[in-house]
N, C-alpha and C. Protein backbone atom coordinates (compact mmCIF):
# COMPACT_ATOMS: atom_id res chain seq x y z
N MET A 1 -7.84 7.16 23.40
CA MET A 1 -7.11 6.40 22.41
C MET A 1 -8.02 5.49 21.60
N THR A 2 -9.20 5.19 22.11
CA THR A 2 -10.11 4.33 21.38
C THR A 2 -10.51 4.96 20.06
N ASP A 3 -10.75 6.28 20.04
CA ASP A 3 -11.10 6.96 18.81
C ASP A 3 -9.96 6.89 17.80
N GLN A 4 -8.73 7.02 18.28
CA GLN A 4 -7.59 6.99 17.37
C GLN A 4 -7.42 5.61 16.76
N THR A 5 -7.56 4.53 17.53
CA THR A 5 -7.40 3.20 16.96
C THR A 5 -8.53 2.87 16.01
N ALA A 6 -9.74 3.36 16.27
CA ALA A 6 -10.85 3.12 15.36
C ALA A 6 -10.61 3.83 14.03
N SER A 7 -10.05 5.03 14.06
CA SER A 7 -9.80 5.76 12.83
C SER A 7 -8.54 5.27 12.11
N ASP A 8 -7.70 4.51 12.82
CA ASP A 8 -6.48 3.99 12.22
C ASP A 8 -6.69 2.67 11.48
N GLN A 9 -7.93 2.18 11.42
CA GLN A 9 -8.20 0.96 10.68
C GLN A 9 -7.95 1.21 9.20
N LEU A 10 -7.12 0.40 8.60
CA LEU A 10 -6.80 0.54 7.19
C LEU A 10 -7.54 -0.53 6.40
N PRO A 11 -7.85 -0.25 5.13
CA PRO A 11 -8.58 -1.23 4.33
C PRO A 11 -7.73 -2.47 4.06
N ASP A 12 -8.41 -3.58 3.77
CA ASP A 12 -7.74 -4.83 3.45
C ASP A 12 -6.91 -4.70 2.17
N ARG A 13 -7.41 -3.91 1.24
CA ARG A 13 -6.71 -3.73 -0.04
C ARG A 13 -6.72 -2.25 -0.39
N LEU A 14 -5.57 -1.74 -0.85
CA LEU A 14 -5.44 -0.32 -1.17
C LEU A 14 -4.48 -0.15 -2.33
N SER A 15 -4.78 0.78 -3.22
CA SER A 15 -3.95 1.06 -4.38
C SER A 15 -3.65 2.55 -4.48
N THR A 16 -2.48 2.88 -5.02
CA THR A 16 -2.12 4.29 -5.24
C THR A 16 -2.53 4.78 -6.62
N ASP A 17 -3.06 3.89 -7.47
CA ASP A 17 -3.48 4.23 -8.82
C ASP A 17 -4.92 4.77 -8.81
N PRO A 18 -5.14 6.03 -9.21
CA PRO A 18 -6.49 6.61 -9.18
C PRO A 18 -7.51 5.87 -10.05
N ARG A 19 -7.07 5.09 -11.01
CA ARG A 19 -7.99 4.34 -11.87
C ARG A 19 -8.45 3.03 -11.24
N SER A 20 -7.83 2.63 -10.16
CA SER A 20 -8.17 1.37 -9.51
C SER A 20 -9.43 1.50 -8.65
N PRO A 21 -10.23 0.45 -8.57
CA PRO A 21 -11.39 0.50 -7.67
C PRO A 21 -10.98 0.48 -6.19
N TYR A 22 -9.73 0.17 -5.90
CA TYR A 22 -9.23 0.12 -4.53
C TYR A 22 -8.50 1.40 -4.13
N TYR A 23 -8.58 2.42 -4.95
CA TYR A 23 -7.97 3.72 -4.66
C TYR A 23 -8.86 4.48 -3.68
N ASP A 24 -8.25 5.06 -2.64
CA ASP A 24 -8.99 5.86 -1.66
C ASP A 24 -8.10 7.04 -1.27
N ALA A 25 -8.39 8.21 -1.83
CA ALA A 25 -7.56 9.40 -1.61
C ALA A 25 -7.54 9.81 -0.15
N GLU A 26 -8.66 9.64 0.55
CA GLU A 26 -8.74 10.03 1.95
C GLU A 26 -7.78 9.20 2.81
N VAL A 27 -7.72 7.91 2.55
CA VAL A 27 -6.81 7.04 3.31
C VAL A 27 -5.37 7.32 2.92
N LEU A 28 -5.11 7.54 1.63
CA LEU A 28 -3.75 7.79 1.17
C LEU A 28 -3.21 9.14 1.65
N ALA A 29 -4.09 10.06 2.03
CA ALA A 29 -3.64 11.36 2.53
C ALA A 29 -2.93 11.21 3.87
N ARG A 30 -3.24 10.14 4.59
CA ARG A 30 -2.54 9.85 5.85
C ARG A 30 -1.20 9.21 5.52
N ASP A 31 -0.29 9.25 6.46
CA ASP A 31 1.04 8.69 6.25
C ASP A 31 1.00 7.18 6.51
N ILE A 32 0.85 6.40 5.43
CA ILE A 32 0.70 4.95 5.53
C ILE A 32 2.05 4.28 5.30
N GLY A 33 2.36 3.31 6.12
CA GLY A 33 3.57 2.52 5.95
C GLY A 33 3.19 1.07 5.72
N ILE A 34 4.06 0.33 5.03
CA ILE A 34 3.83 -1.08 4.75
C ILE A 34 5.05 -1.87 5.22
N ARG A 35 4.79 -2.86 6.05
CA ARG A 35 5.84 -3.82 6.43
C ARG A 35 5.55 -5.10 5.66
N PHE A 36 6.53 -5.54 4.87
CA PHE A 36 6.39 -6.76 4.08
C PHE A 36 7.45 -7.74 4.53
N LYS A 37 7.02 -8.85 5.08
CA LYS A 37 7.92 -9.86 5.64
C LYS A 37 8.83 -9.25 6.70
N GLY A 38 8.28 -8.30 7.46
CA GLY A 38 9.03 -7.66 8.54
C GLY A 38 9.93 -6.52 8.13
N VAL A 39 9.98 -6.19 6.84
CA VAL A 39 10.84 -5.12 6.32
C VAL A 39 9.96 -3.99 5.79
N GLU A 40 10.27 -2.75 6.18
CA GLU A 40 9.48 -1.62 5.71
C GLU A 40 9.77 -1.35 4.24
N LYS A 41 8.71 -1.23 3.45
CA LYS A 41 8.82 -0.95 2.01
C LYS A 41 8.28 0.43 1.73
N ASN A 42 8.95 1.18 0.85
CA ASN A 42 8.53 2.53 0.50
C ASN A 42 8.01 2.65 -0.93
N ASN A 43 8.10 1.59 -1.72
CA ASN A 43 7.73 1.66 -3.13
C ASN A 43 6.52 0.80 -3.47
N VAL A 44 5.59 0.62 -2.53
CA VAL A 44 4.43 -0.24 -2.74
C VAL A 44 3.36 0.52 -3.54
N GLU A 45 2.92 -0.07 -4.64
CA GLU A 45 1.87 0.52 -5.47
C GLU A 45 0.49 0.06 -5.02
N GLU A 46 0.40 -1.19 -4.54
CA GLU A 46 -0.87 -1.76 -4.11
C GLU A 46 -0.58 -2.89 -3.14
N TYR A 47 -1.50 -3.13 -2.21
CA TYR A 47 -1.34 -4.25 -1.28
C TYR A 47 -2.68 -4.91 -1.01
N CYS A 48 -2.63 -6.16 -0.57
CA CYS A 48 -3.81 -6.89 -0.11
C CYS A 48 -3.39 -7.74 1.08
N VAL A 49 -3.94 -7.43 2.25
CA VAL A 49 -3.56 -8.12 3.48
C VAL A 49 -4.10 -9.55 3.49
N SER A 50 -5.39 -9.73 3.14
CA SER A 50 -6.02 -11.05 3.24
C SER A 50 -5.40 -12.06 2.28
N GLU A 51 -4.97 -11.61 1.09
CA GLU A 51 -4.36 -12.51 0.12
C GLU A 51 -2.84 -12.58 0.29
N GLY A 52 -2.25 -11.66 1.07
CA GLY A 52 -0.82 -11.69 1.37
C GLY A 52 0.09 -11.35 0.20
N TRP A 53 -0.15 -10.21 -0.45
CA TRP A 53 0.73 -9.78 -1.53
C TRP A 53 0.82 -8.25 -1.60
N ILE A 54 1.90 -7.80 -2.25
CA ILE A 54 2.07 -6.38 -2.57
C ILE A 54 2.50 -6.27 -4.03
N ARG A 55 2.27 -5.12 -4.63
CA ARG A 55 2.77 -4.82 -5.98
C ARG A 55 3.77 -3.68 -5.83
N VAL A 56 4.95 -3.88 -6.38
CA VAL A 56 5.99 -2.85 -6.35
C VAL A 56 6.45 -2.55 -7.77
N ALA A 57 6.94 -1.34 -7.98
CA ALA A 57 7.44 -0.94 -9.29
C ALA A 57 8.68 -1.76 -9.65
N ALA A 58 8.75 -2.16 -10.91
CA ALA A 58 9.89 -2.95 -11.40
C ALA A 58 10.90 -1.99 -12.02
N GLY A 59 11.68 -1.35 -11.18
CA GLY A 59 12.69 -0.40 -11.66
C GLY A 59 12.04 0.81 -12.29
N ASN A 60 12.63 1.31 -13.37
CA ASN A 60 12.10 2.48 -14.07
C ASN A 60 11.30 2.10 -15.31
N ALA A 61 11.01 0.81 -15.48
CA ALA A 61 10.30 0.34 -16.66
C ALA A 61 8.87 0.89 -16.69
N ARG A 62 8.40 1.23 -17.88
CA ARG A 62 7.05 1.76 -18.08
C ARG A 62 6.34 0.96 -19.16
N ASP A 63 5.00 0.89 -19.08
CA ASP A 63 4.25 0.24 -20.14
C ASP A 63 3.98 1.26 -21.26
N ARG A 64 3.25 0.87 -22.25
CA ARG A 64 3.04 1.76 -23.40
C ARG A 64 2.17 2.97 -23.08
N HIS A 65 1.51 2.95 -21.93
CA HIS A 65 0.69 4.09 -21.51
C HIS A 65 1.43 4.99 -20.54
N GLY A 66 2.67 4.66 -20.22
CA GLY A 66 3.47 5.47 -19.32
C GLY A 66 3.34 5.11 -17.85
N ASN A 67 2.61 4.04 -17.55
CA ASN A 67 2.44 3.59 -16.17
C ASN A 67 3.60 2.69 -15.77
N PRO A 68 4.00 2.71 -14.50
CA PRO A 68 5.10 1.85 -14.09
C PRO A 68 4.72 0.36 -14.16
N LEU A 69 5.65 -0.45 -14.63
CA LEU A 69 5.45 -1.90 -14.61
C LEU A 69 5.62 -2.36 -13.17
N THR A 70 4.78 -3.29 -12.75
CA THR A 70 4.84 -3.75 -11.36
C THR A 70 5.03 -5.26 -11.32
N ILE A 71 5.57 -5.71 -10.19
CA ILE A 71 5.67 -7.14 -9.94
C ILE A 71 4.94 -7.42 -8.63
N LYS A 72 4.41 -8.63 -8.55
CA LYS A 72 3.64 -9.03 -7.38
C LYS A 72 4.51 -9.91 -6.50
N LEU A 73 4.64 -9.54 -5.22
CA LEU A 73 5.42 -10.30 -4.26
C LEU A 73 4.47 -10.84 -3.20
N THR A 74 4.65 -12.10 -2.80
CA THR A 74 3.77 -12.69 -1.80
C THR A 74 4.49 -12.84 -0.47
N GLY A 75 3.74 -12.67 0.60
CA GLY A 75 4.29 -12.78 1.94
C GLY A 75 3.37 -12.06 2.93
N THR A 76 3.84 -11.90 4.14
CA THR A 76 3.06 -11.24 5.19
C THR A 76 3.06 -9.73 4.99
N VAL A 77 1.87 -9.14 4.93
CA VAL A 77 1.70 -7.70 4.70
C VAL A 77 1.11 -7.07 5.95
N GLU A 78 1.76 -6.00 6.45
CA GLU A 78 1.30 -5.29 7.64
C GLU A 78 1.23 -3.79 7.36
N PRO A 79 0.05 -3.27 6.99
CA PRO A 79 -0.07 -1.82 6.82
C PRO A 79 -0.25 -1.14 8.17
N TYR A 80 0.26 0.08 8.30
CA TYR A 80 0.13 0.83 9.55
C TYR A 80 0.17 2.31 9.24
N VAL A 81 -0.33 3.10 10.18
CA VAL A 81 -0.27 4.56 10.05
C VAL A 81 0.95 5.01 10.83
N ARG A 82 1.83 5.72 10.15
CA ARG A 82 3.06 6.22 10.79
C ARG A 82 2.68 7.37 11.72
N THR A 83 3.29 7.38 12.89
CA THR A 83 3.05 8.46 13.84
C THR A 83 4.23 9.41 13.79
N GLY A 84 3.96 10.70 13.85
CA GLY A 84 5.02 11.70 13.80
C GLY A 84 5.65 11.86 15.17
N SER A 85 6.76 11.18 15.40
CA SER A 85 7.44 11.27 16.70
C SER A 85 8.61 12.20 16.63
């Protein structure tokens, strides 16, 4: 189990946007879950554990480039790898 916990380390900051410097396709290929203030969130675009925030899509709104508009929420962020039970 030591090998599994070592490989389950997630980065402090991660983004789903390929243009972001915090984008990591290899990490995103795994089934990552985010608990924000104790509640599981499924619409997280980006998170930062050390700063305690997440970015989520603001409804169906888009900017002029077609990217989703996001809002930043602050609180306790807990990323984890979901296990297939």
